[in-house]
Amino acid sequence: KEREFVAAINRSGGFTHYTDSVKGRFTIYRDNAKNTVYL
């Protein structure tokens, strides 16, 4: 299958965007102090 989008987050973590199939199940967040983004 083709590569598909799951989730995205802006630099501060204040805005997020999800594909419909994961909404309500997946959460993207980030810790800029640790240079890490999580899913």
PDB file of all heavy atoms in Angstrom:
ATOM      1  N   LYS A   1       0.834  -1.205   0.000  1.00  0.00           N
ATOM      2  CA  LYS A   1       0.000   0.000   0.000  1.00  0.00           C
ATOM      3  C   LYS A   1       0.868   1.253   0.000  1.00  0.00           C
ATOM      4  O   LYS A   1       2.048   1.215   0.337  1.00  0.00           O
ATOM      5  CB  LYS A   1      -0.920   0.008   1.218  1.00  0.00           C
ATOM      6  CG  LYS A   1      -1.954  -1.106   1.215  1.00  0.00           C
ATOM      7  CD  LYS A   1      -2.939  -0.934   2.354  1.00  0.00           C
ATOM      8  CE  LYS A   1      -4.028  -1.999   2.306  1.00  0.00           C
ATOM      9  NZ  LYS A   1      -5.020  -1.815   3.397  1.00  0.00           N
ATOM     10  N   GLU A   2       0.244   2.363  -0.380  1.00  0.00           N
ATOM     11  CA  GLU A   2       0.971   3.624  -0.365  1.00  0.00           C
ATOM     12  C   GLU A   2       1.124   4.141   1.063  1.00  0.00           C
ATOM     13  O   GLU A   2       0.335   3.807   1.947  1.00  0.00           O
ATOM     14  CB  GLU A   2       0.223   4.659  -1.213  1.00  0.00           C
ATOM     15  CG  GLU A   2       0.240   4.364  -2.696  1.00  0.00           C
ATOM     16  CD  GLU A   2      -0.276   5.527  -3.521  1.00  0.00           C
ATOM     17  OE1 GLU A   2      -0.718   6.523  -2.923  1.00  0.00           O
ATOM     18  OE2 GLU A   2      -0.218   5.432  -4.749  1.00  0.00           O
ATOM     19  N   ARG A   3       2.123   4.973   1.230  1.00  0.00           N
ATOM     20  CA  ARG A   3       2.321   5.613   2.520  1.00  0.00           C
ATOM     21  C   ARG A   3       1.168   6.569   2.787  1.00  0.00           C
ATOM     22  O   ARG A   3       0.808   7.364   1.920  1.00  0.00           O
ATOM     23  CB  ARG A   3       3.648   6.380   2.521  1.00  0.00           C
ATOM     24  CG  ARG A   3       4.059   6.950   3.852  1.00  0.00           C
ATOM     25  CD  ARG A   3       5.482   7.502   3.770  1.00  0.00           C
ATOM     26  NE  ARG A   3       6.435   6.444   3.449  1.00  0.00           N
ATOM     27  CZ  ARG A   3       7.748   6.648   3.350  1.00  0.00           C
ATOM     28  NH1 ARG A   3       8.248   7.867   3.570  1.00  0.00           N
ATOM     29  NH2 ARG A   3       8.543   5.660   3.031  1.00  0.00           N
ATOM     30  N   GLU A   4       0.589   6.488   3.979  1.00  0.00           N
ATOM     31  CA  GLU A   4      -0.553   7.332   4.289  1.00  0.00           C
ATOM     32  C   GLU A   4      -0.316   8.131   5.559  1.00  0.00           C
ATOM     33  O   GLU A   4       0.380   7.692   6.483  1.00  0.00           O
ATOM     34  CB  GLU A   4      -1.829   6.497   4.434  1.00  0.00           C
ATOM     35  CG  GLU A   4      -1.854   5.549   5.611  1.00  0.00           C
ATOM     36  CD  GLU A   4      -3.228   4.951   5.861  1.00  0.00           C
ATOM     37  OE1 GLU A   4      -4.216   5.372   5.215  1.00  0.00           O
ATOM     38  OE2 GLU A   4      -3.319   4.055   6.727  1.00  0.00           O
ATOM     39  N   PHE A   5      -0.934   9.289   5.592  1.00  0.00           N
ATOM     40  CA  PHE A   5      -0.842  10.187   6.719  1.00  0.00           C
ATOM     41  C   PHE A   5      -1.601   9.631   7.907  1.00  0.00           C
ATOM     42  O   PHE A   5      -2.677   9.053   7.757  1.00  0.00           O
ATOM     43  CB  PHE A   5      -1.426  11.542   6.318  1.00  0.00           C
ATOM     44  CG  PHE A   5      -1.631  12.491   7.449  1.00  0.00           C
ATOM     45  CD1 PHE A   5      -0.541  13.100   8.058  1.00  0.00           C
ATOM     46  CD2 PHE A   5      -2.904  12.803   7.898  1.00  0.00           C
ATOM     47  CE1 PHE A   5      -0.729  13.986   9.095  1.00  0.00           C
ATOM     48  CE2 PHE A   5      -3.100  13.681   8.926  1.00  0.00           C
ATOM     49  CZ  PHE A   5      -2.012  14.284   9.541  1.00  0.00           C
ATOM     50  N   VAL A   6      -1.042   9.856   9.111  1.00  0.00           N
ATOM     51  CA  VAL A   6      -1.707   9.445  10.340  1.00  0.00           C
ATOM     52  C   VAL A   6      -2.043  10.660  11.202  1.00  0.00           C
ATOM     53  O   VAL A   6      -3.189  10.887  11.559  1.00  0.00           O
ATOM     54  CB  VAL A   6      -0.841   8.462  11.150  1.00  0.00           C
ATOM     55  CG1 VAL A   6      -1.531   8.101  12.461  1.00  0.00           C
ATOM     56  CG2 VAL A   6      -0.544   7.200  10.337  1.00  0.00           C
ATOM     57  N   ALA A   7      -1.020  11.459  11.537  1.00  0.00           N
ATOM     58  CA  ALA A   7      -1.234  12.591  12.441  1.00  0.00           C
ATOM     59  C   ALA A   7      -0.110  13.589  12.289  1.00  0.00           C
ATOM     60  O   ALA A   7       1.004  13.233  11.885  1.00  0.00           O
ATOM     61  CB  ALA A   7      -1.323  12.117  13.892  1.00  0.00           C
ATOM     62  N   ALA A   8      -0.383  14.840  12.634  1.00  0.00           N
ATOM     63  CA  ALA A   8       0.631  15.884  12.602  1.00  0.00           C
ATOM     64  C   ALA A   8       0.400  16.845  13.768  1.00  0.00           C
ATOM     65  O   ALA A   8      -0.725  16.960  14.284  1.00  0.00           O
ATOM     66  CB  ALA A   8       0.593  16.638  11.280  1.00  0.00           C
ATOM     67  N   ILE A   9       1.464  17.554  14.130  1.00  0.00           N
ATOM     68  CA  ILE A   9       1.386  18.494  15.251  1.00  0.00           C
ATOM     69  C   ILE A   9       2.261  19.699  14.938  1.00  0.00           C
ATOM     70  O   ILE A   9       3.342  19.560  14.353  1.00  0.00           O
ATOM     71  CB  ILE A   9       1.821  17.786  16.559  1.00  0.00           C
ATOM     72  CG1 ILE A   9       1.562  18.671  17.774  1.00  0.00           C
ATOM     73  CG2 ILE A   9       3.287  17.348  16.497  1.00  0.00           C
ATOM     74  CD1 ILE A   9       1.674  17.910  19.101  1.00  0.00           C
ATOM     75  N   ASN A  10       1.804  20.874  15.327  1.00  0.00           N
ATOM     76  CA  ASN A  10       2.582  22.071  15.041  1.00  0.00           C
ATOM     77  C   ASN A  10       3.709  22.218  16.063  1.00  0.00           C
ATOM     78  O   ASN A  10       3.851  21.428  17.004  1.00  0.00           O
ATOM     79  CB  ASN A  10       1.693  23.305  15.005  1.00  0.00           C
ATOM     80  CG  ASN A  10       1.345  23.820  16.386  1.00  0.00           C
ATOM     81  OD1 ASN A  10       1.100  23.044  17.306  1.00  0.00           O
ATOM     82  ND2 ASN A  10       1.338  25.136  16.545  1.00  0.00           N
ATOM     83  N   ARG A  11       4.512  23.239  15.896  1.00  0.00           N
ATOM     84  CA  ARG A  11       5.743  23.373  16.674  1.00  0.00           C
ATOM     85  C   ARG A  11       5.502  23.480  18.167  1.00  0.00           C
ATOM     86  O   ARG A  11       6.290  22.979  18.963  1.00  0.00           O
ATOM     87  CB  ARG A  11       6.545  24.567  16.166  1.00  0.00           C
ATOM     88  CG  ARG A  11       5.789  25.884  16.208  1.00  0.00           C
ATOM     89  CD  ARG A  11       6.597  27.003  15.585  1.00  0.00           C
ATOM     90  NE  ARG A  11       6.767  26.838  14.152  1.00  0.00           N
ATOM     91  CZ  ARG A  11       7.440  27.686  13.373  1.00  0.00           C
ATOM     92  NH1 ARG A  11       7.998  28.748  13.910  1.00  0.00           N
ATOM     93  NH2 ARG A  11       7.543  27.478  12.093  1.00  0.00           N
ATOM     94  N   SER A  12       4.426  24.119  18.575  1.00  0.00           N
ATOM     95  CA  SER A  12       4.166  24.300  20.001  1.00  0.00           C
ATOM     96  C   SER A  12       3.325  23.179  20.602  1.00  0.00           C
ATOM     97  O   SER A  12       3.232  23.059  21.824  1.00  0.00           O
ATOM     98  CB  SER A  12       3.458  25.629  20.227  1.00  0.00           C
ATOM     99  OG  SER A  12       2.131  25.567  19.724  1.00  0.00           O
ATOM    100  N   GLY A  13       2.710  22.392  19.743  1.00  0.00           N
ATOM    101  CA  GLY A  13       1.802  21.346  20.212  1.00  0.00           C
ATOM    102  C   GLY A  13       0.371  21.818  20.344  1.00  0.00           C
ATOM    103  O   GLY A  13      -0.505  21.047  20.747  1.00  0.00           O
ATOM    104  N   GLY A  14       0.108  23.060  19.975  1.00  0.00           N
ATOM    105  CA  GLY A  14      -1.225  23.616  20.123  1.00  0.00           C
ATOM    106  C   GLY A  14      -2.201  23.236  19.030  1.00  0.00           C
ATOM    107  O   GLY A  14      -3.411  23.366  19.210  1.00  0.00           O
ATOM    108  N   PHE A  15      -1.681  22.780  17.912  1.00  0.00           N
ATOM    109  CA  PHE A  15      -2.539  22.369  16.794  1.00  0.00           C
ATOM    110  C   PHE A  15      -2.175  20.954  16.378  1.00  0.00           C
ATOM    111  O   PHE A  15      -0.997  20.606  16.299  1.00  0.00           O
ATOM    112  CB  PHE A  15      -2.362  23.301  15.602  1.00  0.00           C
ATOM    113  CG  PHE A  15      -2.880  24.689  15.836  1.00  0.00           C
ATOM    114  CD1 PHE A  15      -2.022  25.699  16.218  1.00  0.00           C
ATOM    115  CD2 PHE A  15      -4.221  24.987  15.679  1.00  0.00           C
ATOM    116  CE1 PHE A  15      -2.487  26.980  16.441  1.00  0.00           C
ATOM    117  CE2 PHE A  15      -4.702  26.264  15.904  1.00  0.00           C
ATOM    118  CZ  PHE A  15      -3.821  27.260  16.292  1.00  0.00           C
ATOM    119  N   THR A  16      -3.197  20.154  16.114  1.00  0.00           N
ATOM    120  CA  THR A  16      -2.990  18.793  15.649  1.00  0.00           C
ATOM    121  C   THR A  16      -3.949  18.501  14.501  1.00  0.00           C
ATOM    122  O   THR A  16      -4.954  19.202  14.309  1.00  0.00           O
ATOM    123  CB  THR A  16      -3.227  17.761  16.768  1.00  0.00           C
ATOM    124  OG1 THR A  16      -4.554  17.934  17.296  1.00  0.00           O
ATOM    125  CG2 THR A  16      -2.206  17.904  17.884  1.00  0.00           C
ATOM    126  N   HIS A  17      -3.617  17.467  13.756  1.00  0.00           N
ATOM    127  CA  HIS A  17      -4.412  17.069  12.600  1.00  0.00           C
ATOM    128  C   HIS A  17      -4.319  15.557  12.494  1.00  0.00           C
ATOM    129  O   HIS A  17      -3.218  15.011  12.644  1.00  0.00           O
ATOM    130  CB  HIS A  17      -3.859  17.752  11.347  1.00  0.00           C
ATOM    131  CG  HIS A  17      -4.542  17.377  10.074  1.00  0.00           C
ATOM    132  ND1 HIS A  17      -5.901  17.279   9.940  1.00  0.00           N
ATOM    133  CD2 HIS A  17      -4.024  17.084   8.846  1.00  0.00           C
ATOM    134  CE1 HIS A  17      -6.189  16.947   8.698  1.00  0.00           C
ATOM    135  NE2 HIS A  17      -5.080  16.825   8.010  1.00  0.00           N
ATOM    136  N   TYR A  18      -5.471  14.883  12.285  1.00  0.00           N
ATOM    137  CA  TYR A  18      -5.496  13.426  12.231  1.00  0.00           C
ATOM    138  C   TYR A  18      -6.239  12.951  10.991  1.00  0.00           C
ATOM    139  O   TYR A  18      -7.184  13.606  10.520  1.00  0.00           O
ATOM    140  CB  TYR A  18      -6.216  12.842  13.448  1.00  0.00           C
ATOM    141  CG  TYR A  18      -5.567  13.126  14.775  1.00  0.00           C
ATOM    142  CD1 TYR A  18      -5.913  14.251  15.521  1.00  0.00           C
ATOM    143  CD2 TYR A  18      -4.611  12.254  15.296  1.00  0.00           C
ATOM    144  CE1 TYR A  18      -5.307  14.513  16.738  1.00  0.00           C
ATOM    145  CE2 TYR A  18      -4.013  12.507  16.518  1.00  0.00           C
ATOM    146  CZ  TYR A  18      -4.364  13.639  17.231  1.00  0.00           C
ATOM    147  OH  TYR A  18      -3.759  13.883  18.449  1.00  0.00           O
ATOM    148  N   THR A  19      -5.843  11.794  10.507  1.00  0.00           N
ATOM    149  CA  THR A  19      -6.669  11.162   9.501  1.00  0.00           C
ATOM    150  C   THR A  19      -7.907  10.594  10.183  1.00  0.00           C
ATOM    151  O   THR A  19      -7.867  10.240  11.382  1.00  0.00           O
ATOM    152  CB  THR A  19      -5.883  10.054   8.774  1.00  0.00           C
ATOM    153  OG1 THR A  19      -6.601   9.639   7.621  1.00  0.00           O
ATOM    154  CG2 THR A  19      -5.626   8.862   9.673  1.00  0.00           C
ATOM    155  N   ASP A  20      -9.006  10.515   9.456  1.00  0.00           N
ATOM    156  CA  ASP A  20     -10.276  10.150  10.071  1.00  0.00           C
ATOM    157  C   ASP A  20     -10.252   8.784  10.761  1.00  0.00           C
ATOM    158  O   ASP A  20     -10.885   8.584  11.797  1.00  0.00           O
ATOM    159  CB  ASP A  20     -11.385  10.155   9.015  1.00  0.00           C
ATOM    160  CG  ASP A  20     -11.792  11.564   8.602  1.00  0.00           C
ATOM    161  OD1 ASP A  20     -11.427  12.519   9.317  1.00  0.00           O
ATOM    162  OD2 ASP A  20     -12.467  11.707   7.570  1.00  0.00           O
ATOM    163  N   SER A  21      -9.515   7.847  10.198  1.00  0.00           N
ATOM    164  CA  SER A  21      -9.553   6.483  10.717  1.00  0.00           C
ATOM    165  C   SER A  21      -8.933   6.330  12.099  1.00  0.00           C
ATOM    166  O   SER A  21      -9.130   5.310  12.758  1.00  0.00           O
ATOM    167  CB  SER A  21      -8.871   5.526   9.738  1.00  0.00           C
ATOM    168  OG  SER A  21      -7.508   5.854   9.602  1.00  0.00           O
ATOM    169  N   VAL A  22      -8.168   7.318  12.561  1.00  0.00           N
ATOM    170  CA  VAL A  22      -7.529   7.213  13.871  1.00  0.00           C
ATOM    171  C   VAL A  22      -8.073   8.204  14.887  1.00  0.00           C
ATOM    172  O   VAL A  22      -7.675   8.167  16.056  1.00  0.00           O
ATOM    173  CB  VAL A  22      -5.990   7.350  13.773  1.00  0.00           C
ATOM    174  CG1 VAL A  22      -5.428   6.402  12.725  1.00  0.00           C
ATOM    175  CG2 VAL A  22      -5.561   8.784  13.505  1.00  0.00           C
ATOM    176  N   LYS A  23      -8.951   9.074  14.466  1.00  0.00           N
ATOM    177  CA  LYS A  23      -9.502  10.073  15.381  1.00  0.00           C
ATOM    178  C   LYS A  23     -10.204   9.395  16.549  1.00  0.00           C
ATOM    179  O   LYS A  23     -10.979   8.465  16.360  1.00  0.00           O
ATOM    180  CB  LYS A  23     -10.479  10.980  14.635  1.00  0.00           C
ATOM    181  CG  LYS A  23      -9.819  12.008  13.741  1.00  0.00           C
ATOM    182  CD  LYS A  23     -10.841  12.879  13.039  1.00  0.00           C
ATOM    183  CE  LYS A  23     -10.164  13.886  12.130  1.00  0.00           C
ATOM    184  NZ  LYS A  23     -11.159  14.710  11.373  1.00  0.00           N
ATOM    185  N   GLY A  24      -9.922   9.893  17.747  1.00  0.00           N
ATOM    186  CA  GLY A  24     -10.493   9.308  18.949  1.00  0.00           C
ATOM    187  C   GLY A  24      -9.726   8.127  19.494  1.00  0.00           C
ATOM    188  O   GLY A  24      -9.990   7.677  20.613  1.00  0.00           O
ATOM    189  N   ARG A  25      -8.775   7.600  18.727  1.00  0.00           N
ATOM    190  CA  ARG A  25      -7.978   6.452  19.178  1.00  0.00           C
ATOM    191  C   ARG A  25      -6.499   6.814  19.344  1.00  0.00           C
ATOM    192  O   ARG A  25      -5.836   6.304  20.244  1.00  0.00           O
ATOM    193  CB  ARG A  25      -8.090   5.299  18.181  1.00  0.00           C
ATOM    194  CG  ARG A  25      -9.497   4.785  17.972  1.00  0.00           C
ATOM    195  CD  ARG A  25      -9.503   3.511  17.133  1.00  0.00           C
ATOM    196  NE  ARG A  25      -8.958   3.705  15.797  1.00  0.00           N
ATOM    197  CZ  ARG A  25      -7.942   3.010  15.300  1.00  0.00           C
ATOM    198  NH1 ARG A  25      -7.350   2.077  16.022  1.00  0.00           N
ATOM    199  NH2 ARG A  25      -7.533   3.230  14.060  1.00  0.00           N
ATOM    200  N   PHE A  26      -5.988   7.657  18.471  1.00  0.00           N
ATOM    201  CA  PHE A  26      -4.575   8.035  18.499  1.00  0.00           C
ATOM    202  C   PHE A  26      -4.441   9.479  18.977  1.00  0.00           C
ATOM    203  O   PHE A  26      -5.287  10.322  18.688  1.00  0.00           O
ATOM    204  CB  PHE A  26      -3.954   7.941  17.101  1.00  0.00           C
ATOM    205  CG  PHE A  26      -3.795   6.547  16.563  1.00  0.00           C
ATOM    206  CD1 PHE A  26      -4.374   5.444  17.172  1.00  0.00           C
ATOM    207  CD2 PHE A  26      -3.058   6.332  15.402  1.00  0.00           C
ATOM    208  CE1 PHE A  26      -4.225   4.158  16.662  1.00  0.00           C
ATOM    209  CE2 PHE A  26      -2.895   5.067  14.876  1.00  0.00           C
ATOM    210  CZ  PHE A  26      -3.487   3.981  15.499  1.00  0.00           C
ATOM    211  N   THR A  27      -3.328   9.742  19.654  1.00  0.00           N
ATOM    212  CA  THR A  27      -3.018  11.105  20.095  1.00  0.00           C
ATOM    213  C   THR A  27      -1.561  11.410  19.790  1.00  0.00           C
ATOM    214  O   THR A  27      -0.671  10.643  20.182  1.00  0.00           O
ATOM    215  CB  THR A  27      -3.256  11.277  21.600  1.00  0.00           C
ATOM    216  OG1 THR A  27      -4.624  10.956  21.911  1.00  0.00           O
ATOM    217  CG2 THR A  27      -2.969  12.711  22.038  1.00  0.00           C
ATOM    218  N   ILE A  28      -1.333  12.509  19.102  1.00  0.00           N
ATOM    219  CA  ILE A  28       0.035  12.959  18.838  1.00  0.00           C
ATOM    220  C   ILE A  28       0.352  14.081  19.810  1.00  0.00           C
ATOM    221  O   ILE A  28      -0.490  14.951  20.078  1.00  0.00           O
ATOM    222  CB  ILE A  28       0.213  13.419  17.377  1.00  0.00           C
ATOM    223  CG1 ILE A  28       1.675  13.740  17.076  1.00  0.00           C
ATOM    224  CG2 ILE A  28      -0.701  14.600  17.035  1.00  0.00           C
ATOM    225  CD1 ILE A  28       1.959  13.992  15.583  1.00  0.00           C
ATOM    226  N   TYR A  29       1.540  14.051  20.377  1.00  0.00           N
ATOM    227  CA  TYR A  29       1.979  15.130  21.260  1.00  0.00           C
ATOM    228  C   TYR A  29       3.499  15.182  21.201  1.00  0.00           C
ATOM    229  O   TYR A  29       4.147  14.286  20.656  1.00  0.00           O
ATOM    230  CB  TYR A  29       1.462  14.955  22.681  1.00  0.00           C
ATOM    231  CG  TYR A  29       1.904  13.699  23.419  1.00  0.00           C
ATOM    232  CD1 TYR A  29       2.920  13.740  24.365  1.00  0.00           C
ATOM    233  CD2 TYR A  29       1.279  12.470  23.176  1.00  0.00           C
ATOM    234  CE1 TYR A  29       3.309  12.607  25.042  1.00  0.00           C
ATOM    235  CE2 TYR A  29       1.667  11.329  23.852  1.00  0.00           C
ATOM    236  CZ  TYR A  29       2.677  11.393  24.788  1.00  0.00           C
ATOM    237  OH  TYR A  29       3.077  10.259  25.468  1.00  0.00           O
ATOM    238  N   ARG A  30       4.042  16.240  21.764  1.00  0.00           N
ATOM    239  CA  ARG A  30       5.494  16.429  21.660  1.00  0.00           C
ATOM    240  C   ARG A  30       6.050  17.011  22.943  1.00  0.00           C
ATOM    241  O   ARG A  30       5.346  17.687  23.692  1.00  0.00           O
ATOM    242  CB  ARG A  30       5.829  17.318  20.464  1.00  0.00           C
ATOM    243  CG  ARG A  30       5.358  18.754  20.580  1.00  0.00           C
ATOM    244  CD  ARG A  30       5.468  19.482  19.239  1.00  0.00           C
ATOM    245  NE  ARG A  30       6.846  19.626  18.804  1.00  0.00           N
ATOM    246  CZ  ARG A  30       7.217  19.900  17.553  1.00  0.00           C
ATOM    247  NH1 ARG A  30       6.284  20.035  16.613  1.00  0.00           N
ATOM    248  NH2 ARG A  30       8.488  20.043  17.253  1.00  0.00           N
ATOM    249  N   ASP A  31       7.325  16.751  23.154  1.00  0.00           N
ATOM    250  CA  ASP A  31       8.083  17.333  24.257  1.00  0.00           C
ATOM    251  C   ASP A  31       9.309  17.987  23.631  1.00  0.00           C
ATOM    252  O   ASP A  31      10.287  17.306  23.314  1.00  0.00           O
ATOM    253  CB  ASP A  31       8.472  16.246  25.262  1.00  0.00           C
ATOM    254  CG  ASP A  31       9.163  16.807  26.497  1.00  0.00           C
ATOM    255  OD1 ASP A  31       9.682  17.932  26.421  1.00  0.00           O
ATOM    256  OD2 ASP A  31       9.173  16.123  27.527  1.00  0.00           O
ATOM    257  N   ASN A  32       9.251  19.292  23.438  1.00  0.00           N
ATOM    258  CA  ASN A  32      10.347  19.986  22.763  1.00  0.00           C
ATOM    259  C   ASN A  32      11.630  19.973  23.595  1.00  0.00           C
ATOM    260  O   ASN A  32      12.729  20.045  23.043  1.00  0.00           O
ATOM    261  CB  ASN A  32       9.934  21.406  22.412  1.00  0.00           C
ATOM    262  CG  ASN A  32       8.943  21.460  21.268  1.00  0.00           C
ATOM    263  OD1 ASN A  32       8.835  20.513  20.468  1.00  0.00           O
ATOM    264  ND2 ASN A  32       8.194  22.537  21.174  1.00  0.00           N
ATOM    265  N   ALA A  33      11.500  19.887  24.898  1.00  0.00           N
ATOM    266  CA  ALA A  33      12.691  19.812  25.741  1.00  0.00           C
ATOM    267  C   ALA A  33      13.454  18.515  25.516  1.00  0.00           C
ATOM    268  O   ALA A  33      14.661  18.447  25.743  1.00  0.00           O
ATOM    269  CB  ALA A  33      12.301  19.948  27.205  1.00  0.00           C
ATOM    270  N   LYS A  34      12.743  17.490  25.059  1.00  0.00           N
ATOM    271  CA  LYS A  34      13.372  16.185  24.800  1.00  0.00           C
ATOM    272  C   LYS A  34      13.539  15.916  23.309  1.00  0.00           C
ATOM    273  O   LYS A  34      13.931  14.818  22.915  1.00  0.00           O
ATOM    274  CB  LYS A  34      12.540  15.069  25.435  1.00  0.00           C
ATOM    275  CG  LYS A  34      12.483  15.135  26.957  1.00  0.00           C
ATOM    276  CD  LYS A  34      11.686  13.978  27.521  1.00  0.00           C
ATOM    277  CE  LYS A  34      11.662  14.036  29.051  1.00  0.00           C
ATOM    278  NZ  LYS A  34      10.882  12.914  29.626  1.00  0.00           N
ATOM    279  N   ASN A  35      13.201  16.908  22.474  1.00  0.00           N
ATOM    280  CA  ASN A  35      13.313  16.748  21.019  1.00  0.00           C
ATOM    281  C   ASN A  35      12.573  15.497  20.532  1.00  0.00           C
ATOM    282  O   ASN A  35      13.059  14.781  19.637  1.00  0.00           O
ATOM    283  CB  ASN A  35      14.781  16.666  20.588  1.00  0.00           C
ATOM    284  CG  ASN A  35      15.504  17.992  20.686  1.00  0.00           C
ATOM    285  OD1 ASN A  35      14.889  19.020  20.958  1.00  0.00           O
ATOM    286  ND2 ASN A  35      16.800  17.970  20.484  1.00  0.00           N
ATOM    287  N   THR A  36      11.423  15.255  21.097  1.00  0.00           N
ATOM    288  CA  THR A  36      10.705  14.016  20.816  1.00  0.00           C
ATOM    289  C   THR A  36       9.226  14.289  20.533  1.00  0.00           C
ATOM    290  O   THR A  36       8.608  15.116  21.213  1.00  0.00           O
ATOM    291  CB  THR A  36      10.828  13.041  21.996  1.00  0.00           C
ATOM    292  OG1 THR A  36      12.217  12.782  22.256  1.00  0.00           O
ATOM    293  CG2 THR A  36      10.132  11.721  21.695  1.00  0.00           C
ATOM    294  N   VAL A  37       8.711  13.585  19.539  1.00  0.00           N
ATOM    295  CA  VAL A  37       7.287  13.582  19.255  1.00  0.00           C
ATOM    296  C   VAL A  37       6.779  12.158  19.493  1.00  0.00           C
ATOM    297  O   VAL A  37       7.476  11.186  19.224  1.00  0.00           O
ATOM    298  CB  VAL A  37       6.973  14.068  17.829  1.00  0.00           C
ATOM    299  CG1 VAL A  37       7.603  13.173  16.779  1.00  0.00           C
ATOM    300  CG2 VAL A  37       5.474  14.188  17.608  1.00  0.00           C
ATOM    301  N   TYR A  38       5.576  12.064  20.009  1.00  0.00           N
ATOM    302  CA  TYR A  38       4.999  10.774  20.382  1.00  0.00           C
ATOM    303  C   TYR A  38       3.700  10.519  19.618  1.00  0.00           C
ATOM    304  O   TYR A  38       3.026  11.453  19.190  1.00  0.00           O
ATOM    305  CB  TYR A  38       4.697  10.746  21.880  1.00  0.00           C
ATOM    306  CG  TYR A  38       5.885  11.018  22.772  1.00  0.00           C
ATOM    307  CD1 TYR A  38       6.159  12.297  23.225  1.00  0.00           C
ATOM    308  CD2 TYR A  38       6.731   9.982  23.161  1.00  0.00           C
ATOM    309  CE1 TYR A  38       7.251  12.558  24.044  1.00  0.00           C
ATOM    310  CE2 TYR A  38       7.823  10.226  23.981  1.00  0.00           C
ATOM    311  CZ  TYR A  38       8.075  11.512  24.421  1.00  0.00           C
ATOM    312  OH  TYR A  38       9.162  11.755  25.223  1.00  0.00           O
ATOM    313  N   LEU A  39       3.370   9.257  19.506  1.00  0.00           N
ATOM    314  CA  LEU A  39       2.067   8.869  18.987  1.00  0.00           C
ATOM    315  C   LEU A  39       1.509   7.801  19.922  1.00  0.00           C
ATOM    316  O   LEU A  39       2.001   6.668  19.935  1.00  0.00           O
ATOM    317  CB  LEU A  39       2.166   8.329  17.562  1.00  0.00           C
ATOM    318  CG  LEU A  39       0.831   8.012  16.900  1.00  0.00           C
ATOM    319  CD1 LEU A  39       0.038   9.297  16.631  1.00  0.00           C
ATOM    320  CD2 LEU A  39       1.034   7.243  15.581  1.00  0.00           C
TER     321      LEU A  39
END
